[in-house]
Amino acid sequence: MLVLSTADWAAPLWTNKQYMACELALENDVEYFESLGLRRPELSMRDLTRIGRRLVRRRGPHPGHELPRRRPPSLRIRTPLVVPYHKGPVRVLNKKVIEAMSTRWRGAPHRVLWTYTPTTYGLELAAPTVYHCVDLLSAYPGIDRDVMASGEQQLARSGAIAIGSSRVVCEHLRRVGFARVVEWPNVADVDRFVHDPSVQERVPGRVVFGGNVSPYKIDASLVAAILARAPTAEVIVAGPIAEGGGKSWPALRELSDHGVRFIGNRSIDELAALYRTASVAIIPYLLNDYTKGVLPLKLFEYLAAGLPIVSSRLENLPDLDRLDLFVTAGPEQFAAAVISLLQGPSVADARRRMDVARANSWTTRGVEARALVQSIVAGGS
């Protein structure tokens, strides 16, 4: 299998791409192609560092960053040295690089392309293809909408199977023209977060967010409203700053001035330990064209830790019982919901949330993904 990813293997935050590659590699030989650079690079230390790592082909984790899983022996990481621009004459150069790197895969008697990017440089013509669309990529700042639209249309014409991570994404894929669309909501590595809820580690008043602290995703007004109404609450934010584009924005300093504690990126086990001490988790997302298609992976991490969740009114949130997920509109309602939960969950409610999370794990999704591959290779429907 060839997995075309939109993320480097050792990215500060693992998402669908790396986890799925690990699951597929349990029964298949997998070549994992790191990001082809869909987003325009920025003049920032983050992007300059990424370019430097790519040029020297360093595949190890970032300093102080522990990867969530070991690389399976049957998974090989490839680092395409392509120009992060996918129009005009540059495409010819990039295509030659991709073709040269995929020679081994194209020579295999049984092969499947599993791509997270619609920019595939014709690889979908060489094998049955799965397009795993986990975000509305064309809505992300810095990504060329025309390139994304053209690539998706080509994949649809080629007969690729499309997988969407949410209802909105699946509707988009059907409009593009994919004949077969499968809805697979995001899941999480839930076993790392489940614990014995009867062991009391909760800190009353502790609120947590774990994820990418991005100006394209986080609504700072929602977080500020919590501390404005409950100044004794402790709000802890863990994650990289603006990973995937965008600079840190003035709201970061403002939130720090309000008392939000930023602790930087943490390993998955460190996050699990943090969540065990929290009373409530938050998803304070902006409502925009990009988040319209988002179903946050962190949702099931929070539930696996037994936490009640307060979220902004995202379109793709699952229909969970009120004790699992409080969906709110506006800063005042968001803050009020968080404050009502500051004493922490009961043991019974925590256990019930963990059961919900277990049904949405990578263990279950991996079985489904490998079965799909077996069906494709066997020529099934």
Protein backbone atom coordinates (compact mmCIF):
# COMPACT_ATOMS: atom_id res chain seq x y z
CA MET A 1 0.00 0.00 0.00
CA LEU A 2 1.02 3.58 -0.60
CA VAL A 3 -0.33 6.12 1.89
CA LEU A 4 -0.16 9.69 0.61
CA SER A 5 -0.31 11.82 3.74
CA THR A 6 -0.82 15.50 4.45
CA ALA A 7 1.33 15.21 7.59
CA ASP A 8 4.91 14.27 8.38
CA TRP A 9 5.33 11.07 10.36
CA ALA A 10 6.85 12.81 13.37
CA ALA A 11 4.44 15.76 13.41
CA PRO A 12 3.86 17.31 16.86
CA LEU A 13 0.25 16.10 16.75
CA TRP A 14 -0.72 12.73 15.31
CA THR A 15 -4.01 12.62 13.45
CA ASN A 16 -5.78 10.12 11.18
CA LYS A 17 -2.90 9.70 8.77
CA GLN A 18 -0.28 8.21 11.07
CA TYR A 19 -2.72 6.09 13.07
CA MET A 20 -4.33 4.67 9.94
CA ALA A 21 -0.94 3.84 8.44
CA CYS A 22 -0.08 1.87 11.60
CA GLU A 23 -3.38 -0.02 11.42
CA LEU A 24 -3.01 -0.82 7.72
CA ALA A 25 0.57 -2.02 8.31
CA LEU A 26 -0.66 -4.79 10.62
CA GLU A 27 -1.58 -6.82 7.52
CA ASN A 28 0.00 -4.95 4.60
CA ASP A 29 3.32 -3.57 3.41
CA VAL A 30 2.90 0.20 3.67
CA GLU A 31 4.91 3.03 2.19
CA TYR A 32 4.03 6.26 4.00
CA PHE A 33 4.72 9.36 1.90
CA GLU A 34 5.08 12.41 4.10
CA SER A 35 3.32 15.68 3.25
CA LEU A 36 3.58 17.00 -0.30
CA GLY A 37 3.17 20.55 1.00
CA LEU A 38 -0.38 21.58 0.14
CA ARG A 39 -0.23 24.77 2.21
CA ARG A 40 1.89 27.70 1.04
CA PRO A 41 4.97 27.90 3.30
CA GLU A 42 5.17 30.92 5.60
CA LEU A 43 8.21 32.93 6.63
CA SER A 44 8.14 31.48 10.13
CA MET A 45 10.53 29.49 12.27
CA ARG A 46 8.09 26.58 12.24
CA ASP A 47 8.02 26.28 8.44
CA LEU A 48 11.72 27.03 8.02
CA THR A 49 12.50 24.25 10.52
CA ARG A 50 10.19 21.88 8.65
CA ILE A 51 11.88 22.67 5.35
CA GLY A 52 15.30 22.12 6.94
CA ARG A 53 14.25 18.76 8.36
CA ARG A 54 12.89 17.74 4.96
CA LEU A 55 16.11 18.68 3.15
CA VAL A 56 18.25 16.64 5.53
CA ARG A 57 15.60 13.91 5.61
CA ARG A 58 15.40 13.69 9.38
CA ARG A 59 12.50 11.41 10.29
CA GLY A 60 12.91 11.32 14.05
CA PRO A 61 10.56 13.07 16.46
CA HIS A 62 10.96 16.71 17.33
CA PRO A 63 13.10 17.40 20.42
CA GLY A 64 11.18 16.41 23.52
CA HIS A 65 8.40 14.85 21.42
CA GLU A 66 7.48 11.21 21.94
CA LEU A 67 5.60 9.51 19.10
CA PRO A 68 2.29 7.92 20.18
CA ARG A 69 3.13 4.55 18.60
CA ARG A 70 6.14 2.61 17.40
CA ARG A 71 6.53 2.30 13.65
CA PRO A 72 5.45 -1.20 12.54
CA PRO A 73 8.22 -3.19 10.80
CA SER A 74 6.15 -3.37 7.59
CA LEU A 75 5.80 0.42 7.37
CA ARG A 76 8.40 2.43 5.49
CA ILE A 77 8.55 6.23 5.68
CA ARG A 78 9.35 8.11 2.48
CA THR A 79 10.15 11.83 2.31
CA PRO A 80 9.29 13.42 -1.06
CA LEU A 81 11.51 16.36 -1.94
CA VAL A 82 8.85 18.23 -3.88
CA VAL A 83 8.16 21.91 -4.39
CA PRO A 84 5.14 22.95 -2.26
CA TYR A 85 3.38 24.37 -5.30
CA HIS A 86 1.16 22.26 -7.52
CA LYS A 87 0.42 24.29 -10.65
CA GLY A 88 2.10 24.91 -13.99
CA PRO A 89 5.59 23.66 -14.91
CA VAL A 90 6.36 22.82 -11.27
CA ARG A 91 3.90 19.95 -11.49
CA VAL A 92 6.11 18.28 -14.11
CA LEU A 93 9.07 18.31 -11.73
CA ASN A 94 7.00 17.11 -8.78
CA LYS A 95 5.46 14.34 -10.85
CA LYS A 96 8.88 12.99 -11.79
CA VAL A 97 9.91 12.94 -8.12
CA ILE A 98 6.72 11.12 -7.09
CA GLU A 99 6.97 8.61 -9.93
CA ALA A 100 10.60 7.81 -9.09
CA MET A 101 9.78 7.29 -5.42
CA SER A 102 6.76 5.06 -6.14
CA THR A 103 8.54 2.62 -8.47
CA ARG A 104 8.59 -0.19 -5.88
CA TRP A 105 4.91 0.24 -5.13
CA ARG A 106 3.88 0.39 -8.79
CA GLY A 107 5.79 -2.84 -9.39
CA ALA A 108 3.88 -4.81 -6.76
CA PRO A 109 1.38 -7.40 -8.09
CA HIS A 110 -1.29 -6.26 -5.60
CA ARG A 111 -1.34 -2.60 -4.66
CA VAL A 112 -3.72 0.00 -3.25
CA LEU A 113 -3.38 3.77 -2.99
CA TRP A 114 -4.76 5.27 0.24
CA THR A 115 -4.57 9.04 -0.07
CA TYR A 116 -5.37 11.92 2.27
CA THR A 117 -4.62 14.49 -0.40
CA PRO A 118 -6.40 14.94 -3.74
CA THR A 119 -3.05 15.96 -5.22
CA THR A 120 -1.93 12.50 -6.32
CA TYR A 121 0.02 13.18 -9.54
CA GLY A 122 -1.71 10.36 -11.40
CA LEU A 123 -0.96 7.56 -8.91
CA GLU A 124 -4.70 6.79 -8.77
CA LEU A 125 -4.38 5.52 -12.36
CA ALA A 126 -1.99 2.78 -11.25
CA ALA A 127 -4.11 1.09 -8.58
CA PRO A 128 -7.48 0.93 -6.83
CA THR A 129 -7.70 4.08 -4.70
CA VAL A 130 -9.22 5.15 -1.41
CA TYR A 131 -9.54 8.90 -0.84
CA HIS A 132 -9.77 9.42 2.92
CA CYS A 133 -11.05 12.98 3.33
CA VAL A 134 -10.87 14.04 6.99
CA ASP A 135 -11.17 17.80 6.46
CA LEU A 136 -12.51 20.31 3.96
CA LEU A 137 -8.98 21.03 2.78
CA SER A 138 -9.99 23.69 0.28
CA ALA A 139 -11.34 25.83 3.15
CA TYR A 140 -8.02 25.89 5.00
CA PRO A 141 -6.08 29.19 4.70
CA GLY A 142 -3.02 28.91 2.48
CA ILE A 143 -4.28 25.93 0.46
CA ASP A 144 -5.14 26.45 -3.22
CA ARG A 145 -8.88 25.80 -3.68
CA ASP A 146 -8.54 25.23 -7.43
CA VAL A 147 -5.85 22.57 -6.97
CA MET A 148 -7.99 20.77 -4.37
CA ALA A 149 -11.13 20.91 -6.52
CA SER A 150 -9.34 19.65 -9.63
CA GLY A 151 -7.71 16.80 -7.72
CA GLU A 152 -10.96 15.66 -6.11
CA GLN A 153 -12.77 15.70 -9.46
CA GLN A 154 -10.03 13.58 -11.00
CA LEU A 155 -10.22 11.07 -8.13
CA ALA A 156 -13.99 10.86 -8.52
CA ARG A 157 -13.66 10.23 -12.28
CA SER A 158 -11.09 7.51 -11.63
CA GLY A 159 -13.59 5.52 -9.56
CA ALA A 160 -11.88 6.00 -6.19
CA ILE A 161 -13.74 5.04 -3.04
CA ALA A 162 -14.22 8.11 -0.84
CA ILE A 163 -14.25 8.07 2.95
CA GLY A 164 -15.53 11.13 4.80
CA SER A 165 -14.93 11.92 8.46
CA SER A 166 -18.26 13.68 8.99
CA ARG A 167 -21.69 14.22 7.48
CA VAL A 168 -20.67 17.57 5.99
CA VAL A 169 -17.53 16.09 4.41
CA CYS A 170 -19.53 13.18 2.96
CA GLU A 171 -22.07 15.57 1.46
CA HIS A 172 -19.18 17.47 -0.13
CA LEU A 173 -17.74 14.27 -1.59
CA ARG A 174 -21.08 13.30 -3.13
CA ARG A 175 -21.41 16.75 -4.71
CA VAL A 176 -17.93 16.32 -6.21
CA GLY A 177 -19.15 13.15 -7.91
CA PHE A 178 -17.78 10.17 -5.95
CA ALA A 179 -19.99 7.15 -6.64
CA ARG A 180 -19.18 5.42 -3.37
CA VAL A 181 -18.86 7.44 -0.16
CA VAL A 182 -18.34 5.82 3.24
CA GLU A 183 -18.79 7.80 6.46
CA TRP A 184 -16.14 7.00 9.05
CA PRO A 185 -16.24 9.54 11.90
CA ASN A 186 -12.93 10.32 13.54
CA VAL A 187 -11.85 7.98 16.32
CA ALA A 188 -9.13 8.09 18.97
CA ASP A 189 -6.46 6.00 20.67
CA VAL A 190 -8.87 5.60 23.54
CA ASP A 191 -7.08 2.84 25.45
CA ARG A 192 -4.35 5.33 26.39
CA PHE A 193 -6.92 7.54 28.15
CA VAL A 194 -9.17 5.05 29.92
CA HIS A 195 -8.44 4.68 33.63
CA ASP A 196 -10.11 3.60 36.90
CA PRO A 197 -12.52 6.47 37.65
CA SER A 198 -12.90 5.38 41.27
CA VAL A 199 -9.31 6.54 41.89
CA GLN A 200 -9.91 10.18 42.75
CA GLU A 201 -7.43 12.39 40.91
CA ARG A 202 -9.84 15.12 39.79
CA VAL A 203 -9.03 18.69 40.66
CA PRO A 204 -12.29 20.66 41.08
CA GLY A 205 -12.28 23.72 38.87
CA ARG A 206 -9.71 22.39 36.38
CA VAL A 207 -10.64 22.90 32.71
CA VAL A 208 -8.55 21.38 29.90
CA PHE A 209 -8.10 21.75 26.17
CA GLY A 210 -5.69 19.55 24.23
CA GLY A 211 -4.96 20.22 20.59
CA ASN A 212 -3.64 22.61 18.01
CA VAL A 213 -3.82 26.18 19.33
CA SER A 214 -4.58 27.74 15.97
CA PRO A 215 -6.01 31.16 15.10
CA TYR A 216 -8.06 29.39 12.41
CA LYS A 217 -9.75 27.12 14.96
CA ILE A 218 -9.79 28.55 18.50
CA ASP A 219 -12.36 31.14 19.56
CA ALA A 220 -10.46 33.01 22.25
CA SER A 221 -13.62 34.77 23.44
CA LEU A 222 -15.08 31.46 24.63
CA VAL A 223 -12.04 30.69 26.77
CA ALA A 224 -11.81 34.23 28.14
CA ALA A 225 -15.48 34.10 29.16
CA ILE A 226 -14.80 31.18 31.50
CA LEU A 227 -12.26 33.08 33.55
CA ALA A 228 -14.27 36.27 33.43
CA ARG A 229 -17.17 34.50 35.13
CA ALA A 230 -15.16 32.06 37.26
CA PRO A 231 -11.79 33.70 38.04
CA THR A 232 -10.81 30.88 40.42
CA ALA A 233 -11.13 28.24 37.70
CA GLU A 234 -7.91 26.78 36.30
CA VAL A 235 -7.80 26.61 32.50
CA ILE A 236 -4.94 24.53 31.07
CA VAL A 237 -4.21 24.46 27.33
CA ALA A 238 -1.87 21.78 25.95
CA GLY A 239 -0.68 21.62 22.36
CA PRO A 240 1.50 23.22 19.72
CA ILE A 241 0.92 26.81 18.68
CA ALA A 242 -0.48 27.23 15.14
CA GLU A 243 0.74 23.85 13.89
CA GLY A 244 -0.27 23.63 10.24
CA GLY A 245 -0.14 27.33 9.47
CA GLY A 246 -0.90 30.73 10.88
CA LYS A 247 1.06 32.75 13.39
CA SER A 248 0.30 33.06 17.07
CA TRP A 249 -2.20 35.83 17.40
CA PRO A 250 -2.71 38.63 19.97
CA ALA A 251 -5.44 36.63 21.70
CA LEU A 252 -2.75 34.28 23.04
CA ARG A 253 -1.20 37.03 25.13
CA GLU A 254 -4.64 38.22 26.16
CA LEU A 255 -5.60 34.74 27.34
CA SER A 256 -2.38 34.43 29.28
CA ASP A 257 -3.16 37.76 30.92
CA HIS A 258 -6.55 36.37 31.92
CA GLY A 259 -4.86 33.40 33.57
CA VAL A 260 -4.92 30.63 30.97
CA ARG A 261 -1.95 28.31 31.47
CA PHE A 262 -0.27 27.14 28.25
CA ILE A 263 1.90 24.08 28.82
CA GLY A 264 2.97 23.39 25.23
CA ASN A 265 2.85 20.12 23.34
CA ARG A 266 2.58 16.95 25.41
CA SER A 267 2.87 13.25 24.63
CA ILE A 268 -0.33 11.23 24.54
CA ASP A 269 0.47 9.65 27.92
CA GLU A 270 1.10 13.07 29.45
CA LEU A 271 -2.23 14.26 28.06
CA ALA A 272 -3.97 11.22 29.55
CA ALA A 273 -2.42 11.99 32.94
CA LEU A 274 -3.57 15.61 32.66
CA TYR A 275 -7.12 14.64 31.69
CA ARG A 276 -7.38 12.34 34.73
CA THR A 277 -6.98 15.41 36.94
CA ALA A 278 -9.50 17.60 35.10
CA SER A 279 -13.17 18.26 35.83
CA VAL A 280 -14.31 19.30 32.35
CA ALA A 281 -12.89 19.44 28.81
CA ILE A 282 -13.61 22.08 26.19
CA ILE A 283 -13.74 22.38 22.39
CA PRO A 284 -13.82 26.19 21.93
CA TYR A 285 -13.79 26.23 18.14
CA LEU A 286 -14.59 29.05 15.78
CA LEU A 287 -17.49 28.54 13.38
CA ASN A 288 -16.05 29.03 9.89
CA ASP A 289 -15.78 27.29 6.52
CA TYR A 290 -12.95 25.05 7.74
CA THR A 291 -14.46 23.92 11.07
CA LYS A 292 -17.76 23.31 9.26
CA GLY A 293 -16.38 19.92 8.24
CA VAL A 294 -14.49 19.11 11.45
CA LEU A 295 -15.31 16.31 13.88
CA PRO A 296 -12.60 16.75 16.55
CA LEU A 297 -10.57 13.63 17.28
CA LYS A 298 -10.12 14.95 20.82
CA LEU A 299 -13.84 14.36 21.47
CA PHE A 300 -13.29 10.65 22.06
CA GLU A 301 -10.03 11.22 23.95
CA TYR A 302 -11.99 13.39 26.38
CA LEU A 303 -14.76 10.80 26.69
CA ALA A 304 -12.21 8.01 27.21
CA ALA A 305 -10.89 10.01 30.17
CA GLY A 306 -14.44 10.18 31.55
CA LEU A 307 -14.77 13.93 31.09
CA PRO A 308 -17.90 15.95 30.32
CA ILE A 309 -17.35 18.17 27.29
CA VAL A 310 -18.46 21.70 26.47
CA SER A 311 -18.21 22.61 22.79
CA SER A 312 -19.14 25.39 20.43
CA ARG A 313 -21.96 24.52 18.04
CA LEU A 314 -20.04 22.57 15.40
CA GLU A 315 -22.12 20.99 12.66
CA ASN A 316 -20.66 17.48 12.90
CA LEU A 317 -20.81 16.71 16.58
CA PRO A 318 -22.42 13.31 17.25
CA ASP A 319 -25.79 13.05 18.93
CA LEU A 320 -24.63 12.18 22.44
CA ASP A 321 -26.58 12.32 25.68
CA ARG A 322 -26.50 15.72 27.39
CA LEU A 323 -24.26 14.38 30.17
CA ASP A 324 -21.61 13.57 27.56
CA LEU A 325 -21.60 16.69 25.41
CA PHE A 326 -22.86 20.21 26.08
CA VAL A 327 -23.20 22.11 22.80
CA THR A 328 -23.43 25.86 23.32
CA ALA A 329 -23.79 29.10 21.38
CA GLY A 330 -21.82 32.20 22.34
CA PRO A 331 -19.38 33.04 25.16
CA GLU A 332 -21.96 33.44 27.93
CA GLN A 333 -23.63 30.11 27.34
CA PHE A 334 -20.26 28.40 26.86
CA ALA A 335 -18.93 29.77 30.16
CA ALA A 336 -22.14 28.92 32.04
CA ALA A 337 -21.98 25.29 30.86
CA VAL A 338 -18.34 24.95 31.90
CA ILE A 339 -19.00 26.50 35.33
CA SER A 340 -21.88 24.08 35.96
CA LEU A 341 -19.45 21.16 35.56
CA LEU A 342 -16.47 22.39 37.59
CA GLN A 343 -17.03 19.91 40.42
CA GLY A 344 -16.12 17.07 38.08
CA PRO A 345 -17.92 13.95 36.84
CA SER A 346 -19.40 11.21 39.01
CA VAL A 347 -17.77 7.78 38.85
CA ALA A 348 -20.87 6.36 37.12
CA ASP A 349 -20.92 9.09 34.46
CA ALA A 350 -17.19 8.72 33.85
CA ARG A 351 -17.56 4.98 33.29
CA ARG A 352 -20.44 5.50 30.86
CA ARG A 353 -18.39 7.98 28.82
CA MET A 354 -15.51 5.52 28.67
CA ASP A 355 -17.88 2.90 27.24
CA VAL A 356 -18.96 5.36 24.54
CA ALA A 357 -15.32 6.04 23.68
CA ARG A 358 -14.41 2.35 23.44
CA ALA A 359 -16.87 1.99 20.56
CA ASN A 360 -14.96 4.72 18.70
CA SER A 361 -11.38 3.47 18.90
CA TRP A 362 -8.59 2.87 16.43
CA THR A 363 -8.80 -0.83 17.26
CA THR A 364 -12.31 -0.99 15.77
CA ARG A 365 -11.53 1.32 12.86
CA GLY A 366 -8.37 -0.62 11.99
CA VAL A 367 -10.39 -3.83 11.58
CA GLU A 368 -12.77 -1.99 9.21
CA ALA A 369 -9.93 -0.47 7.20
CA ARG A 370 -8.07 -3.74 6.73
CA ALA A 371 -11.30 -5.48 5.69
CA LEU A 372 -11.89 -2.77 3.09
CA VAL A 373 -8.40 -3.29 1.67
CA GLN A 374 -8.90 -7.06 1.53
CA SER A 375 -12.16 -6.52 -0.35
CA ILE A 376 -10.49 -4.17 -2.85
CA VAL A 377 -7.58 -6.53 -3.51
CA ALA A 378 -9.98 -9.46 -3.93
CA GLY A 379 -11.97 -7.45 -6.46
CA GLY A 380 -15.04 -7.18 -4.24
CA SER A 381 -17.54 -4.37 -4.09
